[in-house]
């Protein structure tokens, strides 16, 4: 009897924890902006990267922004969006 009660309590805790994490993740995603391959997105992330204080993050983000620009010039909008998203992630911006 005690064993089944403990199992029930543990399962209830796991379900509650999982639900809380799912809600937390969905609220984070609701705040995240989708990344699209536009000159405006590229310019905004370039500005943010230029102001970055973490040298490693700045270098990585600038590399992705360079690749995003090259993809944009080659009309590879999916590749451009992917690199913009990576740059945003490097800079700590929330994206979808």
PDB file of N, CA and C in Angstrom:
ATOM      1  N   UNK A   1       0.824  -1.192   0.000  1.00  0.00           N
ATOM      2  CA  UNK A   1       0.000   0.000   0.000  1.00  0.00           C
ATOM      3  C   UNK A   1       0.870   1.258   0.000  1.00  0.00           C
ATOM      4  N   UNK A   2       1.862   1.303   0.896  1.00  0.00           N
ATOM      5  CA  UNK A   2       2.746   2.451   0.978  1.00  0.00           C
ATOM      6  C   UNK A   2       3.550   2.600  -0.304  1.00  0.00           C
ATOM      7  N   UNK A   3       3.956   1.456  -0.867  1.00  0.00           N
ATOM      8  CA  UNK A   3       4.740   1.472  -2.100  1.00  0.00           C
ATOM      9  C   UNK A   3       3.921   2.068  -3.252  1.00  0.00           C
ATOM     10  N   UNK A   4       2.663   1.677  -3.373  1.00  0.00           N
ATOM     11  CA  UNK A   4       1.832   2.219  -4.454  1.00  0.00           C
ATOM     12  C   UNK A   4       1.535   3.698  -4.238  1.00  0.00           C
ATOM     13  N   UNK A   5       1.435   4.127  -2.996  1.00  0.00           N
ATOM     14  CA  UNK A   5       1.213   5.545  -2.704  1.00  0.00           C
ATOM     15  C   UNK A   5       2.434   6.361  -3.108  1.00  0.00           C
ATOM     16  N   UNK A   6       3.631   5.832  -2.830  1.00  0.00           N
ATOM     17  CA  UNK A   6       4.858   6.528  -3.200  1.00  0.00           C
ATOM     18  C   UNK A   6       5.004   6.613  -4.722  1.00  0.00           C
ATOM     19  N   UNK A   7       4.666   5.543  -5.407  1.00  0.00           N
ATOM     20  CA  UNK A   7       4.729   5.540  -6.869  1.00  0.00           C
ATOM     21  C   UNK A   7       3.760   6.580  -7.425  1.00  0.00           C
ATOM     22  N   UNK A   8       2.576   6.651  -6.876  1.00  0.00           N
ATOM     23  CA  UNK A   8       1.585   7.640  -7.322  1.00  0.00           C
ATOM     24  C   UNK A   8       2.082   9.063  -7.118  1.00  0.00           C
ATOM     25  N   UNK A   9       2.713   9.300  -5.971  1.00  0.00           N
ATOM     26  CA  UNK A   9       3.235  10.637  -5.678  1.00  0.00           C
ATOM     27  C   UNK A   9       4.353  10.983  -6.657  1.00  0.00           C
ATOM     28  N   UNK A  10       5.258  10.028  -6.910  1.00  0.00           N
ATOM     29  CA  UNK A  10       6.345  10.272  -7.849  1.00  0.00           C
ATOM     30  C   UNK A  10       5.815  10.544  -9.250  1.00  0.00           C
ATOM     31  N   UNK A  11       4.861   9.765  -9.697  1.00  0.00           N
ATOM     32  CA  UNK A  11       4.291   9.971 -11.028  1.00  0.00           C
ATOM     33  C   UNK A  11       3.588  11.320 -11.128  1.00  0.00           C
ATOM     34  N   UNK A  12       2.872  11.693 -10.087  1.00  0.00           N
ATOM     35  CA  UNK A  12       2.189  12.983 -10.086  1.00  0.00           C
ATOM     36  C   UNK A  12       3.213  14.113 -10.177  1.00  0.00           C
ATOM     37  N   UNK A  13       4.328  13.961  -9.472  1.00  0.00           N
ATOM     38  CA  UNK A  13       5.383  14.968  -9.523  1.00  0.00           C
ATOM     39  C   UNK A  13       5.998  15.070 -10.908  1.00  0.00           C
ATOM     40  N   UNK A  14       6.215  13.927 -11.556  1.00  0.00           N
ATOM     41  CA  UNK A  14       6.780  13.934 -12.896  1.00  0.00           C
ATOM     42  C   UNK A  14       5.836  14.584 -13.893  1.00  0.00           C
ATOM     43  N   UNK A  15       4.566  14.284 -13.791  1.00  0.00           N
ATOM     44  CA  UNK A  15       3.577  14.873 -14.694  1.00  0.00           C
ATOM     45  C   UNK A  15       3.510  16.384 -14.484  1.00  0.00           C
ATOM     46  N   UNK A  16       3.501  16.808 -13.226  1.00  0.00           N
ATOM     47  CA  UNK A  16       3.452  18.237 -12.918  1.00  0.00           C
ATOM     48  C   UNK A  16       4.692  18.946 -13.437  1.00  0.00           C
ATOM     49  N   UNK A  17       5.863  18.337 -13.220  1.00  0.00           N
ATOM     50  CA  UNK A  17       7.109  18.931 -13.693  1.00  0.00           C
ATOM     51  C   UNK A  17       7.112  19.028 -15.209  1.00  0.00           C
ATOM     52  N   UNK A  18       6.680  17.965 -15.877  1.00  0.00           N
ATOM     53  CA  UNK A  18       6.629  17.961 -17.341  1.00  0.00           C
ATOM     54  C   UNK A  18       5.681  19.014 -17.870  1.00  0.00           C
ATOM     55  N   UNK A  19       4.534  19.167 -17.226  1.00  0.00           N
ATOM     56  CA  UNK A  19       3.557  20.170 -17.647  1.00  0.00           C
ATOM     57  C   UNK A  19       4.108  21.580 -17.460  1.00  0.00           C
ATOM     58  N   UNK A  20       4.768  21.812 -16.332  1.00  0.00           N
ATOM     59  CA  UNK A  20       5.341  23.135 -16.072  1.00  0.00           C
ATOM     60  C   UNK A  20       6.419  23.466 -17.093  1.00  0.00           C
ATOM     61  N   UNK A  21       7.245  22.476 -17.420  1.00  0.00           N
ATOM     62  CA  UNK A  21       8.295  22.719 -18.410  1.00  0.00           C
ATOM     63  C   UNK A  21       7.702  22.972 -19.785  1.00  0.00           C
ATOM     64  N   UNK A  22       6.662  22.249 -20.148  1.00  0.00           N
ATOM     65  CA  UNK A  22       6.016  22.459 -21.446  1.00  0.00           C
ATOM     66  C   UNK A  22       5.407  23.849 -21.515  1.00  0.00           C
ATOM     67  N   UNK A  23       4.773  24.296 -20.414  1.00  0.00           N
ATOM     68  CA  UNK A  23       4.188  25.632 -20.390  1.00  0.00           C
ATOM     69  C   UNK A  23       5.275  26.695 -20.474  1.00  0.00           C
ATOM     70  N   UNK A  24       6.392  26.466 -19.765  1.00  0.00           N
ATOM     71  CA  UNK A  24       7.510  27.406 -19.810  1.00  0.00           C
ATOM     72  C   UNK A  24       8.062  27.510 -21.220  1.00  0.00           C
ATOM     73  N   UNK A  25       8.220  26.372 -21.884  1.00  0.00           N
ATOM     74  CA  UNK A  25       8.753  26.359 -23.241  1.00  0.00           C
ATOM     75  C   UNK A  25       7.795  27.059 -24.201  1.00  0.00           C
ATOM     76  N   UNK A  26       6.493  26.818 -24.061  1.00  0.00           N
ATOM     77  CA  UNK A  26       5.549  27.446 -24.980  1.00  0.00           C
ATOM     78  C   UNK A  26       5.491  28.954 -24.761  1.00  0.00           C
ATOM     79  N   UNK A  27       5.652  29.415 -23.522  1.00  0.00           N
ATOM     80  CA  UNK A  27       5.644  30.864 -23.307  1.00  0.00           C
ATOM     81  C   UNK A  27       6.911  31.483 -23.870  1.00  0.00           C
ATOM     82  N   UNK A  28       8.033  30.771 -23.813  1.00  0.00           N
ATOM     83  CA  UNK A  28       9.267  31.271 -24.410  1.00  0.00           C
ATOM     84  C   UNK A  28       9.109  31.356 -25.917  1.00  0.00           C
ATOM     85  N   UNK A  29       8.516  30.336 -26.531  1.00  0.00           N
ATOM     86  CA  UNK A  29       8.317  30.342 -27.972  1.00  0.00           C
ATOM     87  C   UNK A  29       7.327  31.416 -28.395  1.00  0.00           C
ATOM     88  N   UNK A  30       6.351  31.709 -27.549  1.00  0.00           N
ATOM     89  CA  UNK A  30       5.377  32.742 -27.890  1.00  0.00           C
ATOM     90  C   UNK A  30       6.051  34.105 -27.973  1.00  0.00           C
ATOM     91  N   UNK A  31       7.103  34.307 -27.152  1.00  0.00           N
ATOM     92  CA  UNK A  31       7.807  35.578 -27.160  1.00  0.00           C
ATOM     93  C   UNK A  31       8.830  35.647 -28.285  1.00  0.00           C
ATOM     94  N   UNK A  32       9.234  34.486 -28.801  1.00  0.00           N
ATOM     95  CA  UNK A  32      10.279  34.439 -29.819  1.00  0.00           C
ATOM     96  C   UNK A  32       9.735  34.914 -31.158  1.00  0.00           C
ATOM     97  N   UNK A  33      10.559  35.651 -31.847  1.00  0.00           N
ATOM     98  CA  UNK A  33      10.173  36.151 -33.162  1.00  0.00           C
ATOM     99  C   UNK A  33      10.740  35.225 -34.233  1.00  0.00           C
ATOM    100  N   UNK A  34       9.955  34.932 -35.251  1.00  0.00           N
ATOM    101  CA  UNK A  34      10.492  34.107 -36.329  1.00  0.00           C
ATOM    102  C   UNK A  34      11.572  34.889 -37.086  1.00  0.00           C
ATOM    103  N   UNK A  35      12.531  34.151 -37.606  1.00  0.00           N
ATOM    104  CA  UNK A  35      13.616  34.785 -38.351  1.00  0.00           C
ATOM    105  C   UNK A  35      13.309  34.678 -39.833  1.00  0.00           C
ATOM    106  N   UNK A  36      13.310  35.801 -40.513  1.00  0.00           N
ATOM    107  CA  UNK A  36      13.117  35.797 -41.955  1.00  0.00           C
ATOM    108  C   UNK A  36      14.310  36.483 -42.590  1.00  0.00           C
ATOM    109  N   UNK A  37      14.588  36.109 -43.805  1.00  0.00           N
ATOM    110  CA  UNK A  37      15.746  36.625 -44.525  1.00  0.00           C
ATOM    111  C   UNK A  37      15.389  37.959 -45.183  1.00  0.00           C
ATOM    112  N   UNK A  38      15.611  39.028 -44.449  1.00  0.00           N
ATOM    113  CA  UNK A  38      15.365  40.375 -44.983  1.00  0.00           C
ATOM    114  C   UNK A  38      16.563  41.260 -44.674  1.00  0.00           C
ATOM    115  N   UNK A  39      16.684  42.325 -45.415  1.00  0.00           N
ATOM    116  CA  UNK A  39      17.749  43.300 -45.145  1.00  0.00           C
ATOM    117  C   UNK A  39      17.594  43.874 -43.737  1.00  0.00           C
ATOM    118  N   UNK A  40      16.339  44.052 -43.313  1.00  0.00           N
ATOM    119  CA  UNK A  40      16.077  44.614 -41.989  1.00  0.00           C
ATOM    120  C   UNK A  40      16.560  43.671 -40.891  1.00  0.00           C
ATOM    121  N   UNK A  41      16.284  42.377 -41.049  1.00  0.00           N
ATOM    122  CA  UNK A  41      16.738  41.387 -40.059  1.00  0.00           C
ATOM    123  C   UNK A  41      18.255  41.347 -40.008  1.00  0.00           C
ATOM    124  N   UNK A  42      18.870  41.349 -41.164  1.00  0.00           N
ATOM    125  CA  UNK A  42      20.326  41.316 -41.249  1.00  0.00           C
ATOM    126  C   UNK A  42      20.936  42.564 -40.604  1.00  0.00           C
ATOM    127  N   UNK A  43      20.361  43.722 -40.907  1.00  0.00           N
ATOM    128  CA  UNK A  43      20.873  44.976 -40.339  1.00  0.00           C
ATOM    129  C   UNK A  43      20.706  45.003 -38.824  1.00  0.00           C
ATOM    130  N   UNK A  44      19.556  44.549 -38.334  1.00  0.00           N
ATOM    131  CA  UNK A  44      19.302  44.549 -36.890  1.00  0.00           C
ATOM    132  C   UNK A  44      20.288  43.634 -36.162  1.00  0.00           C
ATOM    133  N   UNK A  45      20.532  42.459 -36.730  1.00  0.00           N
ATOM    134  CA  UNK A  45      21.464  41.543 -36.089  1.00  0.00           C
ATOM    135  C   UNK A  45      22.906  42.033 -36.212  1.00  0.00           C
ATOM    136  N   UNK A  46      23.235  42.700 -37.310  1.00  0.00           N
ATOM    137  CA  UNK A  46      24.571  43.300 -37.429  1.00  0.00           C
ATOM    138  C   UNK A  46      24.793  44.354 -36.349  1.00  0.00           C
ATOM    139  N   UNK A  47      23.774  45.165 -36.095  1.00  0.00           N
ATOM    140  CA  UNK A  47      23.856  46.180 -35.049  1.00  0.00           C
ATOM    141  C   UNK A  47      24.042  45.530 -33.685  1.00  0.00           C
ATOM    142  N   UNK A  48      23.254  44.481 -33.433  1.00  0.00           N
ATOM    143  CA  UNK A  48      23.354  43.778 -32.153  1.00  0.00           C
ATOM    144  C   UNK A  48      24.720  43.117 -32.000  1.00  0.00           C
ATOM    145  N   UNK A  49      25.237  42.532 -33.078  1.00  0.00           N
ATOM    146  CA  UNK A  49      26.545  41.875 -33.033  1.00  0.00           C
ATOM    147  C   UNK A  49      27.654  42.897 -32.794  1.00  0.00           C
ATOM    148  N   UNK A  50      27.545  44.045 -33.430  1.00  0.00           N
ATOM    149  CA  UNK A  50      28.562  45.082 -33.255  1.00  0.00           C
ATOM    150  C   UNK A  50      28.633  45.552 -31.805  1.00  0.00           C
ATOM    151  N   UNK A  51      27.505  45.510 -31.112  1.00  0.00           N
ATOM    152  CA  UNK A  51      27.451  45.958 -29.722  1.00  0.00           C
ATOM    153  C   UNK A  51      27.780  44.839 -28.727  1.00  0.00           C
ATOM    154  N   UNK A  52      27.938  43.609 -29.209  1.00  0.00           N
ATOM    155  CA  UNK A  52      28.200  42.471 -28.312  1.00  0.00           C
ATOM    156  C   UNK A  52      29.531  42.648 -27.596  1.00  0.00           C
ATOM    157  N   UNK A  53      29.563  42.260 -26.333  1.00  0.00           N
ATOM    158  CA  UNK A  53      30.783  42.392 -25.540  1.00  0.00           C
ATOM    159  C   UNK A  53      31.547  41.081 -25.417  1.00  0.00           C
ATOM    160  N   UNK A  54      30.880  39.956 -25.617  1.00  0.00           N
ATOM    161  CA  UNK A  54      31.537  38.647 -25.567  1.00  0.00           C
ATOM    162  C   UNK A  54      32.206  38.402 -26.922  1.00  0.00           C
ATOM    163  N   UNK A  55      33.539  38.411 -26.934  1.00  0.00           N
ATOM    164  CA  UNK A  55      34.291  38.320 -28.189  1.00  0.00           C
ATOM    165  C   UNK A  55      34.014  37.026 -28.946  1.00  0.00           C
ATOM    166  N   UNK A  56      33.902  35.903 -28.238  1.00  0.00           N
ATOM    167  CA  UNK A  56      33.644  34.623 -28.913  1.00  0.00           C
ATOM    168  C   UNK A  56      32.267  34.603 -29.564  1.00  0.00           C
ATOM    169  N   UNK A  57      31.259  35.058 -28.819  1.00  0.00           N
ATOM    170  CA  UNK A  57      29.901  35.097 -29.363  1.00  0.00           C
ATOM    171  C   UNK A  57      29.823  36.069 -30.542  1.00  0.00           C
ATOM    172  N   UNK A  58      30.507  37.189 -30.402  1.00  0.00           N
ATOM    173  CA  UNK A  58      30.508  38.194 -31.470  1.00  0.00           C
ATOM    174  C   UNK A  58      31.133  37.620 -32.739  1.00  0.00           C
ATOM    175  N   UNK A  59      32.265  36.927 -32.599  1.00  0.00           N
ATOM    176  CA  UNK A  59      32.958  36.354 -33.752  1.00  0.00           C
ATOM    177  C   UNK A  59      32.088  35.307 -34.446  1.00  0.00           C
ATOM    178  N   UNK A  60      31.472  34.444 -33.650  1.00  0.00           N
ATOM    179  CA  UNK A  60      30.607  33.401 -34.217  1.00  0.00           C
ATOM    180  C   UNK A  60      29.392  34.015 -34.908  1.00  0.00           C
ATOM    181  N   UNK A  61      28.770  34.985 -34.255  1.00  0.00           N
ATOM    182  CA  UNK A  61      27.592  35.646 -34.840  1.00  0.00           C
ATOM    183  C   UNK A  61      27.956  36.359 -36.132  1.00  0.00           C
ATOM    184  N   UNK A  62      29.088  37.045 -36.145  1.00  0.00           N
ATOM    185  CA  UNK A  62      29.500  37.764 -37.349  1.00  0.00           C
ATOM    186  C   UNK A  62      29.766  36.793 -38.502  1.00  0.00           C
ATOM    187  N   UNK A  63      30.299  35.617 -38.184  1.00  0.00           N
ATOM    188  CA  UNK A  63      30.498  34.596 -39.211  1.00  0.00           C
ATOM    189  C   UNK A  63      29.175  34.141 -39.806  1.00  0.00           C
ATOM    190  N   UNK A  64      28.182  33.926 -38.951  1.00  0.00           N
ATOM    191  CA  UNK A  64      26.856  33.535 -39.439  1.00  0.00           C
ATOM    192  C   UNK A  64      26.215  34.661 -40.237  1.00  0.00           C
ATOM    193  N   UNK A  65      26.419  35.891 -39.810  1.00  0.00           N
ATOM    194  CA  UNK A  65      25.847  37.020 -40.552  1.00  0.00           C
ATOM    195  C   UNK A  65      26.493  37.158 -41.927  1.00  0.00           C
ATOM    196  N   UNK A  66      27.779  36.888 -42.012  1.00  0.00           N
ATOM    197  CA  UNK A  66      28.461  36.912 -43.306  1.00  0.00           C
ATOM    198  C   UNK A  66      27.889  35.830 -44.225  1.00  0.00           C
ATOM    199  N   UNK A  67      27.703  34.630 -43.661  1.00  0.00           N
ATOM    200  CA  UNK A  67      27.118  33.540 -44.453  1.00  0.00           C
ATOM    201  C   UNK A  67      25.666  33.832 -44.829  1.00  0.00           C
ATOM    202  N   UNK A  68      24.933  34.498 -43.943  1.00  0.00           N
ATOM    203  CA  UNK A  68      23.550  34.872 -44.247  1.00  0.00           C
ATOM    204  C   UNK A  68      23.515  35.840 -45.422  1.00  0.00           C
ATOM    205  N   UNK A  69      24.418  36.809 -45.417  1.00  0.00           N
ATOM    206  CA  UNK A  69      24.488  37.786 -46.519  1.00  0.00           C
ATOM    207  C   UNK A  69      24.826  37.089 -47.835  1.00  0.00           C
ATOM    208  N   UNK A  70      25.778  36.155 -47.793  1.00  0.00           N
ATOM    209  CA  UNK A  70      26.151  35.418 -49.002  1.00  0.00           C
ATOM    210  C   UNK A  70      24.976  34.576 -49.505  1.00  0.00           C
ATOM    211  N   UNK A  71      24.246  33.960 -48.565  1.00  0.00           N
ATOM    212  CA  UNK A  71      23.067  33.178 -48.947  1.00  0.00           C
ATOM    213  C   UNK A  71      22.000  34.071 -49.554  1.00  0.00           C
ATOM    214  N   UNK A  72      21.800  35.239 -48.970  1.00  0.00           N
ATOM    215  CA  UNK A  72      20.807  36.189 -49.490  1.00  0.00           C
ATOM    216  C   UNK A  72      21.178  36.610 -50.912  1.00  0.00           C
ATOM    217  N   UNK A  73      22.449  36.915 -51.110  1.00  0.00           N
ATOM    218  CA  UNK A  73      22.902  37.319 -52.440  1.00  0.00           C
ATOM    219  C   UNK A  73      22.720  36.214 -53.474  1.00  0.00           C
ATOM    220  N   UNK A  74      22.832  34.947 -53.010  1.00  0.00           N
ATOM    221  CA  UNK A  74      22.670  33.794 -53.900  1.00  0.00           C
ATOM    222  C   UNK A  74      21.206  33.368 -54.010  1.00  0.00           C
ATOM    223  N   UNK A  75      20.288  34.151 -53.416  1.00  0.00           N
ATOM    224  CA  UNK A  75      18.840  33.862 -53.428  1.00  0.00           C
ATOM    225  C   UNK A  75      18.495  32.564 -52.688  1.00  0.00           C
ATOM    226  N   UNK A  76      19.362  32.156 -51.738  1.00  0.00           N
ATOM    227  CA  UNK A  76      19.116  30.981 -50.892  1.00  0.00           C
ATOM    228  C   UNK A  76      18.497  31.473 -49.589  1.00  0.00           C
ATOM    229  N   UNK A  77      17.183  31.714 -49.614  1.00  0.00           N
ATOM    230  CA  UNK A  77      16.514  32.311 -48.468  1.00  0.00           C
ATOM    231  C   UNK A  77      16.446  31.364 -47.269  1.00  0.00           C
ATOM    232  N   UNK A  78      16.344  30.060 -47.512  1.00  0.00           N
ATOM    233  CA  UNK A  78      16.339  29.110 -46.398  1.00  0.00           C
ATOM    234  C   UNK A  78      17.694  29.111 -45.690  1.00  0.00           C
ATOM    235  N   UNK A  79      18.764  29.099 -46.474  1.00  0.00           N
ATOM    236  CA  UNK A  79      20.104  29.152 -45.893  1.00  0.00           C
ATOM    237  C   UNK A  79      20.335  30.460 -45.157  1.00  0.00           C
ATOM    238  N   UNK A  80      19.873  31.537 -45.736  1.00  0.00           N
ATOM    239  CA  UNK A  80      19.992  32.851 -45.115  1.00  0.00           C
ATOM    240  C   UNK A  80      19.270  32.875 -43.770  1.00  0.00           C
ATOM    241  N   UNK A  81      18.028  32.403 -43.746  1.00  0.00           N
ATOM    242  CA  UNK A  81      17.241  32.388 -42.510  1.00  0.00           C
ATOM    243  C   UNK A  81      17.905  31.519 -41.452  1.00  0.00           C
ATOM    244  N   UNK A  82      18.475  30.376 -41.872  1.00  0.00           N
ATOM    245  CA  UNK A  82      19.146  29.490 -40.927  1.00  0.00           C
ATOM    246  C   UNK A  82      20.338  30.209 -40.283  1.00  0.00           C
ATOM    247  N   UNK A  83      21.142  30.906 -41.098  1.00  0.00           N
ATOM    248  CA  UNK A  83      22.305  31.609 -40.551  1.00  0.00           C
ATOM    249  C   UNK A  83      21.890  32.801 -39.692  1.00  0.00           C
ATOM    250  N   UNK A  84      20.816  33.479 -40.060  1.00  0.00           N
ATOM    251  CA  UNK A  84      20.314  34.564 -39.219  1.00  0.00           C
ATOM    252  C   UNK A  84      19.860  34.026 -37.859  1.00  0.00           C
ATOM    253  N   UNK A  85      19.194  32.886 -37.884  1.00  0.00           N
ATOM    254  CA  UNK A  85      18.748  32.273 -36.634  1.00  0.00           C
ATOM    255  C   UNK A  85      19.940  31.890 -35.771  1.00  0.00           C
ATOM    256  N   UNK A  86      20.967  31.309 -36.380  1.00  0.00           N
ATOM    257  CA  UNK A  86      22.170  30.936 -35.632  1.00  0.00           C
ATOM    258  C   UNK A  86      22.842  32.173 -35.039  1.00  0.00           C
ATOM    259  N   UNK A  87      22.915  33.244 -35.812  1.00  0.00           N
ATOM    260  CA  UNK A  87      23.518  34.481 -35.319  1.00  0.00           C
ATOM    261  C   UNK A  87      22.704  35.025 -34.134  1.00  0.00           C
ATOM    262  N   UNK A  88      21.392  34.989 -34.277  1.00  0.00           N
ATOM    263  CA  UNK A  88      20.522  35.455 -33.186  1.00  0.00           C
ATOM    264  C   UNK A  88      20.717  34.610 -31.942  1.00  0.00           C
ATOM    265  N   UNK A  89      20.829  33.307 -32.112  1.00  0.00           N
ATOM    266  CA  UNK A  89      21.070  32.420 -30.981  1.00  0.00           C
ATOM    267  C   UNK A  89      22.419  32.724 -30.326  1.00  0.00           C
ATOM    268  N   UNK A  90      23.430  32.967 -31.142  1.00  0.00           N
ATOM    269  CA  UNK A  90      24.748  33.318 -30.608  1.00  0.00           C
ATOM    270  C   UNK A  90      24.684  34.582 -29.762  1.00  0.00           C
ATOM    271  N   UNK A  91      23.840  35.500 -30.168  1.00  0.00           N
ATOM    272  CA  UNK A  91      23.714  36.785 -29.484  1.00  0.00           C
ATOM    273  C   UNK A  91      22.693  36.759 -28.359  1.00  0.00           C
ATOM    274  N   UNK A  92      22.037  35.619 -28.158  1.00  0.00           N
ATOM    275  CA  UNK A  92      21.076  35.487 -27.073  1.00  0.00           C
ATOM    276  C   UNK A  92      19.699  35.992 -27.404  1.00  0.00           C
ATOM    277  N   UNK A  93      19.404  36.229 -28.680  1.00  0.00           N
ATOM    278  CA  UNK A  93      18.065  36.669 -29.080  1.00  0.00           C
ATOM    279  C   UNK A  93      17.157  35.466 -29.204  1.00  0.00           C
ATOM    280  N   UNK A  94      15.923  35.577 -28.780  1.00  0.00           N
ATOM    281  CA  UNK A  94      14.955  34.483 -28.898  1.00  0.00           C
ATOM    282  C   UNK A  94      14.421  34.425 -30.316  1.00  0.00           C
ATOM    283  N   UNK A  95      14.457  33.227 -30.880  1.00  0.00           N
ATOM    284  CA  UNK A  95      13.964  33.045 -32.244  1.00  0.00           C
ATOM    285  C   UNK A  95      13.162  31.774 -32.333  1.00  0.00           C
ATOM    286  N   UNK A  96      12.375  31.674 -33.404  1.00  0.00           N
ATOM    287  CA  UNK A  96      11.649  30.429 -33.674  1.00  0.00           C
ATOM    288  C   UNK A  96      12.410  29.670 -34.721  1.00  0.00           C
TER     289      UNK A  96
END
